[in-house]
């Protein structure tokens, strides 16, 4: 689930005009109430079959949203009708959910991903985060683990963590990571991991685990 930014709180000259102190107070009040999940999330998304052409289509649409069918067909060595059928299938299966412009309102945007494990008051915590004016992506690993990705100005990051600290008792466990921007198209690395021979993604999990062990000192 992707929540778009609420531009009522954005001033082009001064940036975000968000009352963090008021949000803290409202959040602490939210935690005292029983709330259901305020978001509409598909907890059991169906599996879809991909091939290399589907991955090229997705990668091309992410990098060039205004690309025409003729150009896509040329890249794939398919007819325009075949490409159109593939796009319609991806839309029908929910792989392509919608089309919308995404504009970063400032240069120093910071993306923070929170991994939250919650059993009680999960709905209240998600409700509080959903009230933030920034663009936020929500995902859930049922039944208790949430991933929340927030894009906000760098100077607001400490205010966000202060708010999380105030509701720490409602969170069983959490971790966060701060993304460092690189000059690549979104999802580029993931798309390039697709192996057309095996029809699946090749992810170097052993390499990732070794990197984590190196920095955590674990064996």
Protein backbone atom coordinates (compact mmCIF):
# COMPACT_ATOMS: atom_id res chain seq x y z
CA UNK A 1 0.00 0.00 0.00
CA UNK A 2 1.44 3.37 -1.03
CA UNK A 3 0.16 6.55 0.60
CA UNK A 4 0.83 9.69 -1.41
CA UNK A 5 2.08 12.88 0.30
CA UNK A 6 -0.44 15.36 1.67
CA UNK A 7 0.64 18.59 0.00
CA UNK A 8 -1.54 20.70 2.27
CA UNK A 9 1.42 20.64 4.64
CA UNK A 10 4.05 21.47 2.03
CA UNK A 11 5.30 24.99 1.33
CA UNK A 12 7.43 25.27 -1.85
CA UNK A 13 9.50 28.01 -0.23
CA UNK A 14 10.07 26.58 3.25
CA UNK A 15 9.40 22.84 2.86
CA UNK A 16 7.20 20.72 5.11
CA UNK A 17 5.22 22.60 7.74
CA UNK A 18 4.30 19.69 9.97
CA UNK A 19 3.54 20.07 13.67
CA UNK A 20 5.56 17.22 15.12
CA UNK A 21 4.66 18.05 18.72
CA UNK A 22 0.96 17.81 17.91
CA UNK A 23 1.58 14.49 16.15
CA UNK A 24 3.36 13.19 19.25
CA UNK A 25 0.36 14.05 21.42
CA UNK A 26 -2.17 12.53 19.02
CA UNK A 27 -0.03 9.42 18.60
CA UNK A 28 0.20 8.85 22.35
CA UNK A 29 -3.60 9.18 22.52
CA UNK A 30 -4.03 6.74 19.62
CA UNK A 31 -2.04 4.07 21.44
CA UNK A 32 -4.53 4.04 24.31
CA UNK A 33 -7.37 3.05 21.94
CA UNK A 34 -8.13 -0.22 20.21
CA UNK A 35 -7.95 0.29 16.44
CA UNK A 36 -8.22 -2.01 13.48
CA UNK A 37 -5.88 -1.91 10.52
CA UNK A 38 -6.70 1.37 8.69
CA UNK A 39 -5.16 0.17 5.41
CA UNK A 40 -6.50 -2.02 2.65
CA UNK A 41 -3.83 -4.68 2.13
CA UNK A 42 -3.91 -7.97 0.27
CA UNK A 43 -2.57 -10.42 2.86
CA UNK A 44 -2.55 -13.35 0.43
CA UNK A 45 -1.43 -12.01 -2.96
CA UNK A 46 -1.59 -14.61 -5.74
CA UNK A 47 1.59 -15.90 -7.35
CA UNK A 48 2.30 -14.88 -10.94
CA UNK A 49 4.46 -16.45 -13.62
CA UNK A 50 7.14 -14.21 -15.13
CA UNK A 51 9.39 -14.55 -18.09
CA UNK A 52 12.25 -12.39 -19.29
CA UNK A 53 10.02 -10.29 -21.53
CA UNK A 54 7.73 -9.42 -18.60
CA UNK A 55 10.73 -8.19 -16.62
CA UNK A 56 11.91 -6.04 -19.54
CA UNK A 57 8.42 -4.54 -19.82
CA UNK A 58 8.32 -3.68 -16.10
CA UNK A 59 11.83 -2.25 -16.13
CA UNK A 60 11.05 -0.14 -19.21
CA UNK A 61 7.79 1.21 -17.77
CA UNK A 62 9.52 2.19 -14.51
CA UNK A 63 12.36 3.97 -16.31
CA UNK A 64 10.25 5.47 -19.13
CA UNK A 65 6.55 5.69 -18.16
CA UNK A 66 5.68 7.43 -21.43
CA UNK A 67 7.30 4.81 -23.67
CA UNK A 68 5.08 3.82 -26.60
CA UNK A 69 4.07 0.27 -27.54
CA UNK A 70 5.98 0.49 -30.80
CA UNK A 71 9.28 1.07 -28.99
CA UNK A 72 8.58 -1.68 -26.44
CA UNK A 73 7.70 -4.12 -29.21
CA UNK A 74 10.96 -3.28 -30.97
CA UNK A 75 13.00 -3.96 -27.82
CA UNK A 76 11.30 -7.31 -27.26
CA UNK A 77 11.10 -8.36 -30.90
CA UNK A 78 7.35 -8.87 -30.45
CA UNK A 79 4.30 -7.37 -32.11
CA UNK A 80 2.55 -4.40 -30.48
CA UNK A 81 -0.48 -6.63 -29.92
CA UNK A 82 1.62 -9.18 -28.03
CA UNK A 83 3.17 -6.48 -25.83
CA UNK A 84 -0.24 -4.97 -25.13
CA UNK A 85 -1.61 -8.38 -24.06
CA UNK A 86 1.32 -8.83 -21.69
CA UNK A 87 0.77 -5.41 -20.11
CA UNK A 88 -2.95 -6.10 -19.71
CA UNK A 89 -2.17 -9.44 -18.03
CA UNK A 90 0.26 -7.76 -15.62
CA UNK A 91 -2.43 -5.20 -14.79
CA UNK A 92 -5.09 -7.88 -14.38
CA UNK A 93 -2.90 -9.91 -12.02
CA UNK A 94 -2.09 -6.85 -9.91
CA UNK A 95 1.61 -6.71 -10.82
CA UNK A 96 0.98 -3.30 -12.39
CA UNK A 97 -1.48 -1.69 -10.00
CA UNK A 98 -1.66 1.85 -11.34
CA UNK A 99 0.21 4.59 -13.15
CA UNK A 100 1.06 7.85 -11.45
CA UNK A 101 3.80 10.49 -11.50
CA UNK A 102 6.19 10.46 -8.55
CA UNK A 103 7.90 13.78 -7.89
CA UNK A 104 10.43 14.38 -5.13
CA UNK A 105 9.67 17.77 -3.62
CA UNK A 106 13.17 18.39 -2.32
CA UNK A 107 16.75 17.35 -3.02
CA UNK A 108 17.70 16.07 0.44
CA UNK A 109 14.98 13.42 0.65
CA UNK A 110 15.81 10.58 3.03
CA UNK A 111 14.23 7.14 2.69
CA UNK A 112 13.92 5.20 5.93
CA UNK A 113 12.58 1.66 6.07
CA UNK A 114 11.19 0.52 9.42
CA UNK A 115 10.67 -3.16 10.20
CA UNK A 116 8.18 -3.31 13.06
CA UNK A 117 7.01 -6.39 14.93
CA UNK A 118 3.76 -5.70 16.76
CA UNK A 119 1.14 -7.88 18.40
CA UNK A 120 -1.06 -5.50 20.36
CA UNK A 121 -2.00 -2.00 19.21
CA UNK A 122 -0.63 -2.65 15.72
CA UNK A 123 -3.63 -0.87 14.20
CA UNK A 124 -3.03 2.19 16.40
CA UNK A 125 0.66 2.37 15.44
CA UNK A 126 -0.09 2.06 11.72
CA UNK A 127 -2.89 4.64 12.07
CA UNK A 128 -0.41 7.07 13.64
CA UNK A 129 2.20 6.56 10.92
CA UNK A 130 -0.46 6.86 8.23
CA UNK A 131 -1.28 10.37 9.47
CA UNK A 132 2.18 11.64 8.59
CA UNK A 133 2.05 13.89 5.49
CA UNK A 134 4.92 12.20 3.67
CA UNK A 135 4.86 9.51 0.99
CA UNK A 136 4.79 6.20 2.87
CA UNK A 137 4.77 2.60 1.67
CA UNK A 138 3.27 -0.11 3.87
CA UNK A 139 3.71 -3.87 3.58
CA UNK A 140 2.88 -6.68 5.99
CA UNK A 141 4.33 -10.11 6.60
CA UNK A 142 1.34 -11.67 8.40
CA UNK A 143 0.51 -11.73 11.13
CA UNK A 144 2.76 -9.41 13.14
CA UNK A 145 5.59 -7.95 11.05
CA UNK A 146 5.29 -4.69 9.14
CA UNK A 147 7.58 -2.88 6.72
CA UNK A 148 7.08 0.89 6.56
CA UNK A 149 9.08 3.00 4.11
CA UNK A 150 9.01 6.76 4.71
CA UNK A 151 10.42 9.44 2.43
CA UNK A 152 11.05 12.69 4.30
CA UNK A 153 13.45 15.60 4.56
CA UNK A 154 16.74 14.74 6.24
CA UNK A 155 16.18 17.27 9.03
CA UNK A 156 12.92 15.53 9.99
CA UNK A 157 14.42 12.08 10.59
CA UNK A 158 15.20 12.66 14.27
CA UNK A 159 11.66 13.91 14.87
CA UNK A 160 10.30 10.70 13.37
CA UNK A 161 12.47 8.56 15.64
CA UNK A 162 11.46 10.62 18.66
CA UNK A 163 7.84 9.80 17.86
CA UNK A 164 8.64 6.09 17.56
CA UNK A 165 10.44 6.21 20.89
CA UNK A 166 7.29 7.53 22.56
CA UNK A 167 5.31 4.48 21.45
CA UNK A 168 8.13 1.99 21.96
CA UNK A 169 6.12 -0.02 24.48
CA UNK A 170 3.62 -0.92 21.73
CA UNK A 171 6.34 -2.37 19.49
CA UNK A 172 7.74 -5.81 20.31
CA UNK A 173 10.85 -5.33 18.20
CA UNK A 174 12.02 -3.09 15.41
CA UNK A 175 14.93 -2.24 13.18
CA UNK A 176 15.49 0.42 10.57
CA UNK A 177 17.69 1.11 7.60
CA UNK A 178 18.50 4.39 5.91
CA UNK A 179 18.87 4.24 2.15
CA UNK A 180 21.80 5.96 0.50
CA UNK A 181 20.76 7.26 -2.94
CA UNK A 182 22.65 6.02 -5.98
CA UNK A 183 22.31 7.06 -9.58
CA UNK A 184 20.22 4.13 -10.76
CA UNK A 185 16.68 3.59 -11.91
CA UNK A 186 14.40 2.31 -9.16
CA UNK A 187 14.31 -1.51 -9.05
CA UNK A 188 17.14 -1.66 -11.63
CA UNK A 189 19.27 -4.13 -9.66
CA UNK A 190 16.31 -6.38 -8.94
CA UNK A 191 15.26 -6.50 -12.60
CA UNK A 192 18.79 -7.36 -13.66
CA UNK A 193 18.79 -10.33 -11.26
CA UNK A 194 16.20 -12.13 -13.39
CA UNK A 195 17.71 -15.19 -15.06
CA UNK A 196 15.95 -15.88 -18.40
CA UNK A 197 17.40 -19.40 -18.48
CA UNK A 198 15.86 -20.50 -15.17
CA UNK A 199 12.88 -18.14 -15.30
CA UNK A 200 13.52 -16.88 -11.77
CA UNK A 201 15.48 -14.29 -9.81
CA UNK A 202 19.05 -15.12 -8.79
CA UNK A 203 19.60 -13.50 -5.41
CA UNK A 204 23.04 -13.95 -3.78
CA UNK A 205 21.64 -14.69 -0.33
CA UNK A 206 24.91 -16.22 0.92
CA UNK A 207 26.74 -13.05 -0.07
CA UNK A 208 24.16 -10.90 1.73
CA UNK A 209 24.33 -13.04 4.88
CA UNK A 210 28.15 -12.86 4.94
CA UNK A 211 28.02 -9.07 4.66
CA UNK A 212 25.59 -8.91 7.59
CA UNK A 213 27.78 -11.22 9.66
CA UNK A 214 30.84 -9.12 8.89
CA UNK A 215 29.26 -5.94 10.20
CA UNK A 216 27.51 -7.54 13.18
CA UNK A 217 30.46 -9.64 14.24
CA UNK A 218 28.35 -12.80 14.25
CA UNK A 219 29.48 -16.22 13.04
